[in-house]
């Protein structure tokens, strides 16, 4: 298996290097199941990238006019604007979910119901097992008698109240029962670290569309990191991203070659 590694200056640089390299190092597969079943795609065996300055603007790809192709991600798709009922940041950072959506990343991150043993331990005030904190309406809140957790606000509160050296603070997106979904979440987790008064993210996607998905996802995740760093009262830091399924769909290969000025 080929482990492909990239060191990038910023998010547009990461995207360009990954698009350029997959044309040489990606393996061609036929998609058996899920999105685009029956079509082919180029895919890295495993992809890892270290981004030194992910907060450098702009966050979306750089497409020179001479390429004659549209940007794979519009500014208004990330931040909201005409033609978009919901921005990607809202999808990532709020619990809003449209009818027919089995999940959103924001719902998984900001509106997690406390159930089963964890709820029992909470109600029993079993502090040997559960980290029982006040229901403050922000990191913990109640709706119709159900207790919910906001992971983003919980992690912010933990770093502010208990300090930096903590390896427990992972933003979890995946649920074990997700294997029953036809299209389970691609983003599985965002791990965090505070080091040298700076917040760093470690991001893992099980499957990842390189052309349009990666730049949109990371622009939104960078906005999340910037928000959390500001709320904690520290600097916004670096990003390490990984995927065992970063791929370029067949329809985007010609676009990738145009962007990279390749035949």
C-alpha atoms as a PDB file:
ATOM      1  CA  UNK A   1       0.000   0.000   0.000  1.00  0.00           C
ATOM      2  CA  UNK A   2       1.293   3.459  -0.931  1.00  0.00           C
ATOM      3  CA  UNK A   3       1.069   6.069   1.846  1.00  0.00           C
ATOM      4  CA  UNK A   4       0.973   9.425   0.071  1.00  0.00           C
ATOM      5  CA  UNK A   5       2.111  12.409   2.166  1.00  0.00           C
ATOM      6  CA  UNK A   6       1.930  16.115   1.439  1.00  0.00           C
ATOM      7  CA  UNK A   7       3.240  19.140   3.312  1.00  0.00           C
ATOM      8  CA  UNK A   8       1.240  22.214   2.332  1.00  0.00           C
ATOM      9  CA  UNK A   9       1.480  25.918   3.019  1.00  0.00           C
ATOM     10  CA  UNK A  10      -2.307  26.512   3.185  1.00  0.00           C
ATOM     11  CA  UNK A  11      -5.586  24.916   2.116  1.00  0.00           C
ATOM     12  CA  UNK A  12      -5.452  25.955  -1.582  1.00  0.00           C
ATOM     13  CA  UNK A  13      -1.902  24.590  -1.751  1.00  0.00           C
ATOM     14  CA  UNK A  14      -3.026  21.312  -0.175  1.00  0.00           C
ATOM     15  CA  UNK A  15      -5.853  20.967  -2.717  1.00  0.00           C
ATOM     16  CA  UNK A  16      -3.618  21.693  -5.706  1.00  0.00           C
ATOM     17  CA  UNK A  17      -0.885  19.278  -4.621  1.00  0.00           C
ATOM     18  CA  UNK A  18      -3.410  16.518  -3.935  1.00  0.00           C
ATOM     19  CA  UNK A  19      -5.154  17.028  -7.294  1.00  0.00           C
ATOM     20  CA  UNK A  20      -1.824  17.137  -9.139  1.00  0.00           C
ATOM     21  CA  UNK A  21      -0.400  14.041  -7.455  1.00  0.00           C
ATOM     22  CA  UNK A  22      -3.467  11.811  -7.719  1.00  0.00           C
ATOM     23  CA  UNK A  23      -3.142  11.878 -11.510  1.00  0.00           C
ATOM     24  CA  UNK A  24       0.165  10.018 -11.067  1.00  0.00           C
ATOM     25  CA  UNK A  25      -0.306   8.121  -7.823  1.00  0.00           C
ATOM     26  CA  UNK A  26      -4.003   7.302  -7.685  1.00  0.00           C
ATOM     27  CA  UNK A  27      -5.281   3.804  -8.450  1.00  0.00           C
ATOM     28  CA  UNK A  28      -8.296   3.414 -10.714  1.00  0.00           C
ATOM     29  CA  UNK A  29     -11.238   1.591  -9.148  1.00  0.00           C
ATOM     30  CA  UNK A  30     -14.788   0.793 -10.178  1.00  0.00           C
ATOM     31  CA  UNK A  31     -17.217   1.963  -7.506  1.00  0.00           C
ATOM     32  CA  UNK A  32     -19.202  -1.020  -6.198  1.00  0.00           C
ATOM     33  CA  UNK A  33     -21.605   0.718  -3.831  1.00  0.00           C
ATOM     34  CA  UNK A  34     -22.703   4.128  -2.601  1.00  0.00           C
ATOM     35  CA  UNK A  35     -22.402   7.414  -4.438  1.00  0.00           C
ATOM     36  CA  UNK A  36     -21.587   7.024  -8.151  1.00  0.00           C
ATOM     37  CA  UNK A  37     -21.857   3.204  -8.063  1.00  0.00           C
ATOM     38  CA  UNK A  38     -20.702   1.705 -11.360  1.00  0.00           C
ATOM     39  CA  UNK A  39     -18.442   4.612 -12.280  1.00  0.00           C
ATOM     40  CA  UNK A  40     -14.662   4.751 -11.895  1.00  0.00           C
ATOM     41  CA  UNK A  41     -12.468   6.926  -9.742  1.00  0.00           C
ATOM     42  CA  UNK A  42      -8.827   7.537  -8.976  1.00  0.00           C
ATOM     43  CA  UNK A  43      -8.066   6.937  -5.305  1.00  0.00           C
ATOM     44  CA  UNK A  44      -5.063   7.155  -3.000  1.00  0.00           C
ATOM     45  CA  UNK A  45      -4.326   4.026  -0.971  1.00  0.00           C
ATOM     46  CA  UNK A  46      -3.905   6.287   2.046  1.00  0.00           C
ATOM     47  CA  UNK A  47      -3.497  10.047   2.142  1.00  0.00           C
ATOM     48  CA  UNK A  48      -1.957  12.250   4.826  1.00  0.00           C
ATOM     49  CA  UNK A  49      -1.283  15.980   4.734  1.00  0.00           C
ATOM     50  CA  UNK A  50       0.210  18.513   7.114  1.00  0.00           C
ATOM     51  CA  UNK A  51      -1.067  22.069   6.580  1.00  0.00           C
ATOM     52  CA  UNK A  52       1.077  24.732   8.242  1.00  0.00           C
ATOM     53  CA  UNK A  53      -1.166  27.784   7.842  1.00  0.00           C
ATOM     54  CA  UNK A  54      -4.720  26.572   7.183  1.00  0.00           C
ATOM     55  CA  UNK A  55      -6.217  29.896   8.236  1.00  0.00           C
ATOM     56  CA  UNK A  56      -4.584  31.837   5.396  1.00  0.00           C
ATOM     57  CA  UNK A  57      -7.216  33.486   3.206  1.00  0.00           C
ATOM     58  CA  UNK A  58      -8.717  32.631   0.820  1.00  0.00           C
ATOM     59  CA  UNK A  59      -9.575  29.136   2.017  1.00  0.00           C
ATOM     60  CA  UNK A  60     -10.967  27.845  -1.281  1.00  0.00           C
ATOM     61  CA  UNK A  61      -8.929  26.722  -4.337  1.00  0.00           C
ATOM     62  CA  UNK A  62      -7.101  29.106  -6.627  1.00  0.00           C
ATOM     63  CA  UNK A  63      -8.260  28.671 -10.242  1.00  0.00           C
ATOM     64  CA  UNK A  64      -6.402  30.920 -12.712  1.00  0.00           C
ATOM     65  CA  UNK A  65      -8.739  32.449 -15.345  1.00  0.00           C
ATOM     66  CA  UNK A  66      -6.591  30.942 -18.104  1.00  0.00           C
ATOM     67  CA  UNK A  67      -7.719  27.453 -17.033  1.00  0.00           C
ATOM     68  CA  UNK A  68     -11.255  28.249 -18.195  1.00  0.00           C
ATOM     69  CA  UNK A  69     -12.929  26.145 -15.492  1.00  0.00           C
ATOM     70  CA  UNK A  70     -15.136  27.116 -12.522  1.00  0.00           C
ATOM     71  CA  UNK A  71     -13.928  26.977  -8.945  1.00  0.00           C
ATOM     72  CA  UNK A  72     -15.070  23.660  -7.430  1.00  0.00           C
ATOM     73  CA  UNK A  73     -16.289  25.589  -4.365  1.00  0.00           C
ATOM     74  CA  UNK A  74     -18.139  28.885  -4.401  1.00  0.00           C
ATOM     75  CA  UNK A  75     -17.558  31.412  -1.624  1.00  0.00           C
ATOM     76  CA  UNK A  76     -21.312  31.609  -0.964  1.00  0.00           C
ATOM     77  CA  UNK A  77     -21.536  27.829  -0.581  1.00  0.00           C
ATOM     78  CA  UNK A  78     -19.246  28.097   2.448  1.00  0.00           C
ATOM     79  CA  UNK A  79     -20.513  31.332   3.976  1.00  0.00           C
ATOM     80  CA  UNK A  80     -24.052  31.612   2.616  1.00  0.00           C
ATOM     81  CA  UNK A  81     -25.512  33.740  -0.120  1.00  0.00           C
ATOM     82  CA  UNK A  82     -27.951  33.904  -2.977  1.00  0.00           C
ATOM     83  CA  UNK A  83     -28.971  30.490  -4.221  1.00  0.00           C
ATOM     84  CA  UNK A  84     -28.085  28.672  -0.988  1.00  0.00           C
ATOM     85  CA  UNK A  85     -30.694  27.955   1.689  1.00  0.00           C
ATOM     86  CA  UNK A  86     -27.985  26.846   4.104  1.00  0.00           C
ATOM     87  CA  UNK A  87     -24.282  27.624   4.261  1.00  0.00           C
ATOM     88  CA  UNK A  88     -21.753  24.853   4.759  1.00  0.00           C
ATOM     89  CA  UNK A  89     -20.713  26.461   8.048  1.00  0.00           C
ATOM     90  CA  UNK A  90     -24.317  26.139   9.239  1.00  0.00           C
ATOM     91  CA  UNK A  91     -24.334  22.493   8.141  1.00  0.00           C
ATOM     92  CA  UNK A  92     -21.164  21.917  10.179  1.00  0.00           C
ATOM     93  CA  UNK A  93     -21.779  24.022  13.272  1.00  0.00           C
ATOM     94  CA  UNK A  94     -25.556  24.039  13.939  1.00  0.00           C
ATOM     95  CA  UNK A  95     -28.049  21.232  14.635  1.00  0.00           C
ATOM     96  CA  UNK A  96     -30.393  22.180  11.767  1.00  0.00           C
ATOM     97  CA  UNK A  97     -31.389  19.148   9.677  1.00  0.00           C
ATOM     98  CA  UNK A  98     -33.629  19.112   6.622  1.00  0.00           C
ATOM     99  CA  UNK A  99     -36.358  16.482   6.093  1.00  0.00           C
ATOM    100  CA  UNK A 100     -34.876  13.410   4.453  1.00  0.00           C
ATOM    101  CA  UNK A 101     -31.367  13.951   5.845  1.00  0.00           C
ATOM    102  CA  UNK A 102     -30.246  10.986   7.930  1.00  0.00           C
ATOM    103  CA  UNK A 103     -27.660  13.179   9.663  1.00  0.00           C
ATOM    104  CA  UNK A 104     -25.713  16.401   9.414  1.00  0.00           C
ATOM    105  CA  UNK A 105     -22.246  16.990  10.793  1.00  0.00           C
ATOM    106  CA  UNK A 106     -23.645  19.867  12.828  1.00  0.00           C
ATOM    107  CA  UNK A 107     -26.317  17.698  14.419  1.00  0.00           C
ATOM    108  CA  UNK A 108     -23.679  15.137  15.385  1.00  0.00           C
ATOM    109  CA  UNK A 109     -21.426  17.836  16.847  1.00  0.00           C
ATOM    110  CA  UNK A 110     -23.928  20.097  18.602  1.00  0.00           C
ATOM    111  CA  UNK A 111     -27.027  18.076  19.502  1.00  0.00           C
ATOM    112  CA  UNK A 112     -26.037  14.704  20.935  1.00  0.00           C
ATOM    113  CA  UNK A 113     -28.765  13.062  23.078  1.00  0.00           C
ATOM    114  CA  UNK A 114     -27.566  11.606  26.357  1.00  0.00           C
ATOM    115  CA  UNK A 115     -29.137   8.137  26.608  1.00  0.00           C
ATOM    116  CA  UNK A 116     -28.680   4.639  28.023  1.00  0.00           C
ATOM    117  CA  UNK A 117     -26.065   3.999  30.698  1.00  0.00           C
ATOM    118  CA  UNK A 118     -24.571   7.483  30.351  1.00  0.00           C
ATOM    119  CA  UNK A 119     -27.912   9.084  31.162  1.00  0.00           C
ATOM    120  CA  UNK A 120     -28.439   6.678  34.068  1.00  0.00           C
ATOM    121  CA  UNK A 121     -24.994   7.505  35.485  1.00  0.00           C
ATOM    122  CA  UNK A 122     -25.720  11.199  34.987  1.00  0.00           C
ATOM    123  CA  UNK A 123     -29.020  10.996  36.858  1.00  0.00           C
ATOM    124  CA  UNK A 124     -27.378   8.941  39.594  1.00  0.00           C
ATOM    125  CA  UNK A 125     -24.604  11.570  39.870  1.00  0.00           C
ATOM    126  CA  UNK A 126     -22.028   8.778  39.559  1.00  0.00           C
ATOM    127  CA  UNK A 127     -18.933  10.954  39.364  1.00  0.00           C
ATOM    128  CA  UNK A 128     -16.561   7.981  39.322  1.00  0.00           C
ATOM    129  CA  UNK A 129     -17.769   7.307  35.767  1.00  0.00           C
ATOM    130  CA  UNK A 130     -19.420  10.444  34.404  1.00  0.00           C
ATOM    131  CA  UNK A 131     -18.017  13.973  34.162  1.00  0.00           C
ATOM    132  CA  UNK A 132     -21.156  15.671  35.451  1.00  0.00           C
ATOM    133  CA  UNK A 133     -21.303  19.378  34.657  1.00  0.00           C
ATOM    134  CA  UNK A 134     -24.053  22.015  35.015  1.00  0.00           C
ATOM    135  CA  UNK A 135     -26.829  22.103  32.438  1.00  0.00           C
ATOM    136  CA  UNK A 136     -25.931  25.593  31.249  1.00  0.00           C
ATOM    137  CA  UNK A 137     -28.032  25.801  28.080  1.00  0.00           C
ATOM    138  CA  UNK A 138     -24.905  25.906  25.944  1.00  0.00           C
ATOM    139  CA  UNK A 139     -22.677  22.856  26.296  1.00  0.00           C
ATOM    140  CA  UNK A 140     -25.548  20.956  27.941  1.00  0.00           C
ATOM    141  CA  UNK A 141     -29.206  21.749  27.316  1.00  0.00           C
ATOM    142  CA  UNK A 142     -32.658  20.205  27.667  1.00  0.00           C
ATOM    143  CA  UNK A 143     -35.450  19.991  25.103  1.00  0.00           C
ATOM    144  CA  UNK A 144     -38.777  18.338  25.936  1.00  0.00           C
ATOM    145  CA  UNK A 145     -37.201  16.532  28.879  1.00  0.00           C
ATOM    146  CA  UNK A 146     -34.263  15.188  26.830  1.00  0.00           C
ATOM    147  CA  UNK A 147     -30.697  16.155  27.768  1.00  0.00           C
ATOM    148  CA  UNK A 148     -28.370  17.055  24.889  1.00  0.00           C
ATOM    149  CA  UNK A 149     -24.633  17.642  24.602  1.00  0.00           C
ATOM    150  CA  UNK A 150     -22.932  20.223  22.369  1.00  0.00           C
ATOM    151  CA  UNK A 151     -19.485  18.704  21.764  1.00  0.00           C
ATOM    152  CA  UNK A 152     -18.008  21.943  20.437  1.00  0.00           C
ATOM    153  CA  UNK A 153     -18.940  23.939  23.520  1.00  0.00           C
ATOM    154  CA  UNK A 154     -17.977  21.070  25.873  1.00  0.00           C
ATOM    155  CA  UNK A 155     -14.449  20.977  24.453  1.00  0.00           C
ATOM    156  CA  UNK A 156     -14.140  24.770  24.592  1.00  0.00           C
ATOM    157  CA  UNK A 157     -15.218  24.695  28.241  1.00  0.00           C
ATOM    158  CA  UNK A 158     -12.824  21.847  29.064  1.00  0.00           C
ATOM    159  CA  UNK A 159      -9.763  23.614  27.666  1.00  0.00           C
ATOM    160  CA  UNK A 160     -10.729  26.870  29.368  1.00  0.00           C
ATOM    161  CA  UNK A 161     -11.413  25.318  32.757  1.00  0.00           C
ATOM    162  CA  UNK A 162      -8.950  22.419  32.962  1.00  0.00           C
ATOM    163  CA  UNK A 163      -5.958  23.371  30.827  1.00  0.00           C
ATOM    164  CA  UNK A 164      -4.243  22.301  27.644  1.00  0.00           C
ATOM    165  CA  UNK A 165      -2.721  18.891  28.274  1.00  0.00           C
ATOM    166  CA  UNK A 166      -5.786  16.765  27.627  1.00  0.00           C
ATOM    167  CA  UNK A 167      -5.944  13.903  25.104  1.00  0.00           C
ATOM    168  CA  UNK A 168      -9.670  13.220  25.552  1.00  0.00           C
ATOM    169  CA  UNK A 169     -11.060  16.105  23.509  1.00  0.00           C
ATOM    170  CA  UNK A 170     -12.220  14.515  20.246  1.00  0.00           C
ATOM    171  CA  UNK A 171     -15.145  15.852  18.209  1.00  0.00           C
ATOM    172  CA  UNK A 172     -16.940  12.597  17.343  1.00  0.00           C
ATOM    173  CA  UNK A 173     -19.079  12.351  14.225  1.00  0.00           C
ATOM    174  CA  UNK A 174     -19.275   8.569  13.726  1.00  0.00           C
ATOM    175  CA  UNK A 175     -21.710   6.298  15.572  1.00  0.00           C
ATOM    176  CA  UNK A 176     -21.276   2.499  15.643  1.00  0.00           C
ATOM    177  CA  UNK A 177     -24.766   2.145  14.152  1.00  0.00           C
ATOM    178  CA  UNK A 178     -23.711   4.170  11.091  1.00  0.00           C
ATOM    179  CA  UNK A 179     -22.775   0.896   9.360  1.00  0.00           C
ATOM    180  CA  UNK A 180     -26.525   0.404   8.817  1.00  0.00           C
ATOM    181  CA  UNK A 181     -26.808   3.597   6.713  1.00  0.00           C
ATOM    182  CA  UNK A 182     -26.698   3.435   2.928  1.00  0.00           C
ATOM    183  CA  UNK A 183     -24.437   6.498   2.963  1.00  0.00           C
ATOM    184  CA  UNK A 184     -22.750   6.850   6.387  1.00  0.00           C
ATOM    185  CA  UNK A 185     -20.848  10.021   7.312  1.00  0.00           C
ATOM    186  CA  UNK A 186     -17.559  10.523   5.492  1.00  0.00           C
ATOM    187  CA  UNK A 187     -16.115  12.676   8.281  1.00  0.00           C
ATOM    188  CA  UNK A 188     -15.516  10.406  11.251  1.00  0.00           C
ATOM    189  CA  UNK A 189     -13.728  12.548  13.822  1.00  0.00           C
ATOM    190  CA  UNK A 190     -11.860  15.780  14.449  1.00  0.00           C
ATOM    191  CA  UNK A 191      -9.263  15.299  17.154  1.00  0.00           C
ATOM    192  CA  UNK A 192      -7.885  18.371  18.905  1.00  0.00           C
ATOM    193  CA  UNK A 193      -4.726  19.435  20.665  1.00  0.00           C
ATOM    194  CA  UNK A 194      -3.786  22.621  22.482  1.00  0.00           C
ATOM    195  CA  UNK A 195      -0.029  23.091  22.422  1.00  0.00           C
ATOM    196  CA  UNK A 196       2.086  26.242  22.762  1.00  0.00           C
ATOM    197  CA  UNK A 197      -1.077  28.265  23.371  1.00  0.00           C
ATOM    198  CA  UNK A 198      -2.414  27.160  19.981  1.00  0.00           C
ATOM    199  CA  UNK A 199      -5.321  24.930  18.856  1.00  0.00           C
ATOM    200  CA  UNK A 200      -4.497  22.230  16.276  1.00  0.00           C
ATOM    201  CA  UNK A 201      -6.906  19.866  14.457  1.00  0.00           C
ATOM    202  CA  UNK A 202      -6.414  16.256  13.333  1.00  0.00           C
ATOM    203  CA  UNK A 203      -9.118  15.334  10.810  1.00  0.00           C
ATOM    204  CA  UNK A 204     -10.060  11.893   9.454  1.00  0.00           C
ATOM    205  CA  UNK A 205     -12.403  11.115   6.541  1.00  0.00           C
ATOM    206  CA  UNK A 206     -13.247   7.492   5.672  1.00  0.00           C
ATOM    207  CA  UNK A 207     -14.049   8.524   2.067  1.00  0.00           C
ATOM    208  CA  UNK A 208     -13.402  11.934   0.535  1.00  0.00           C
ATOM    209  CA  UNK A 209     -14.211  13.606  -2.767  1.00  0.00           C
ATOM    210  CA  UNK A 210     -11.037  15.480  -3.688  1.00  0.00           C
ATOM    211  CA  UNK A 211     -12.335  17.861  -6.341  1.00  0.00           C
ATOM    212  CA  UNK A 212     -15.187  19.580  -4.499  1.00  0.00           C
ATOM    213  CA  UNK A 213     -15.540  17.858  -1.141  1.00  0.00           C
ATOM    214  CA  UNK A 214     -12.089  18.363   0.365  1.00  0.00           C
ATOM    215  CA  UNK A 215     -11.896  22.139  -0.212  1.00  0.00           C
ATOM    216  CA  UNK A 216     -15.438  22.739   1.050  1.00  0.00           C
ATOM    217  CA  UNK A 217     -15.021  20.475   4.072  1.00  0.00           C
ATOM    218  CA  UNK A 218     -11.695  21.955   5.138  1.00  0.00           C
ATOM    219  CA  UNK A 219     -12.838  25.545   4.647  1.00  0.00           C
ATOM    220  CA  UNK A 220     -15.728  24.835   7.010  1.00  0.00           C
ATOM    221  CA  UNK A 221     -13.544  22.923   9.481  1.00  0.00           C
ATOM    222  CA  UNK A 222     -11.018  25.764   9.485  1.00  0.00           C
ATOM    223  CA  UNK A 223     -13.803  28.192  10.396  1.00  0.00           C
ATOM    224  CA  UNK A 224     -14.770  25.853  13.234  1.00  0.00           C
ATOM    225  CA  UNK A 225     -11.167  25.732  14.469  1.00  0.00           C
ATOM    226  CA  UNK A 226     -10.859  29.501  14.307  1.00  0.00           C
ATOM    227  CA  UNK A 227     -14.093  29.887  16.308  1.00  0.00           C
ATOM    228  CA  UNK A 228     -13.015  27.406  18.965  1.00  0.00           C
ATOM    229  CA  UNK A 229      -9.566  28.963  19.346  1.00  0.00           C
ATOM    230  CA  UNK A 230     -11.133  32.383  19.813  1.00  0.00           C
ATOM    231  CA  UNK A 231     -13.575  31.084  22.442  1.00  0.00           C
ATOM    232  CA  UNK A 232     -10.805  29.280  24.324  1.00  0.00           C
ATOM    233  CA  UNK A 233      -8.657  32.421  24.142  1.00  0.00           C
ATOM    234  CA  UNK A 234      -5.697  30.946  22.251  1.00  0.00           C
ATOM    235  CA  UNK A 235      -4.185  31.075  18.743  1.00  0.00           C
ATOM    236  CA  UNK A 236      -5.543  29.277  15.702  1.00  0.00           C
ATOM    237  CA  UNK A 237      -3.105  26.565  14.651  1.00  0.00           C
ATOM    238  CA  UNK A 238      -2.162  23.857  12.197  1.00  0.00           C
ATOM    239  CA  UNK A 239      -4.086  20.983  10.657  1.00  0.00           C
ATOM    240  CA  UNK A 240      -3.273  17.364   9.879  1.00  0.00           C
ATOM    241  CA  UNK A 241      -5.752  15.558   7.617  1.00  0.00           C
ATOM    242  CA  UNK A 242      -5.981  11.877   6.692  1.00  0.00           C
ATOM    243  CA  UNK A 243      -8.144   9.582   4.580  1.00  0.00           C
ATOM    244  CA  UNK A 244      -8.013   6.017   3.330  1.00  0.00           C
ATOM    245  CA  UNK A 245     -10.414   6.989   0.547  1.00  0.00           C
ATOM    246  CA  UNK A 246      -9.435  10.355  -0.963  1.00  0.00           C
ATOM    247  CA  UNK A 247     -10.528  10.118  -4.578  1.00  0.00           C
ATOM    248  CA  UNK A 248     -11.182  11.917  -7.834  1.00  0.00           C
ATOM    249  CA  UNK A 249     -14.348  10.921  -9.680  1.00  0.00           C
ATOM    250  CA  UNK A 250     -14.127  10.233 -13.385  1.00  0.00           C
ATOM    251  CA  UNK A 251     -16.071  13.380 -14.347  1.00  0.00           C
ATOM    252  CA  UNK A 252     -13.452  15.548 -12.595  1.00  0.00           C
ATOM    253  CA  UNK A 253     -10.338  14.020 -14.182  1.00  0.00           C
ATOM    254  CA  UNK A 254     -10.440  16.276 -17.227  1.00  0.00           C
ATOM    255  CA  UNK A 255     -11.004  19.306 -14.976  1.00  0.00           C
ATOM    256  CA  UNK A 256      -8.025  18.253 -12.853  1.00  0.00           C
ATOM    257  CA  UNK A 257      -5.806  17.990 -15.918  1.00  0.00           C
ATOM    258  CA  UNK A 258      -6.886  21.464 -17.070  1.00  0.00           C
ATOM    259  CA  UNK A 259      -6.106  22.939 -13.629  1.00  0.00           C
ATOM    260  CA  UNK A 260      -2.708  21.248 -13.527  1.00  0.00           C
ATOM    261  CA  UNK A 261      -1.926  22.198 -17.164  1.00  0.00           C
ATOM    262  CA  UNK A 262      -1.536  18.552 -18.119  1.00  0.00           C
ATOM    263  CA  UNK A 263      -2.554  16.651 -21.246  1.00  0.00           C
END
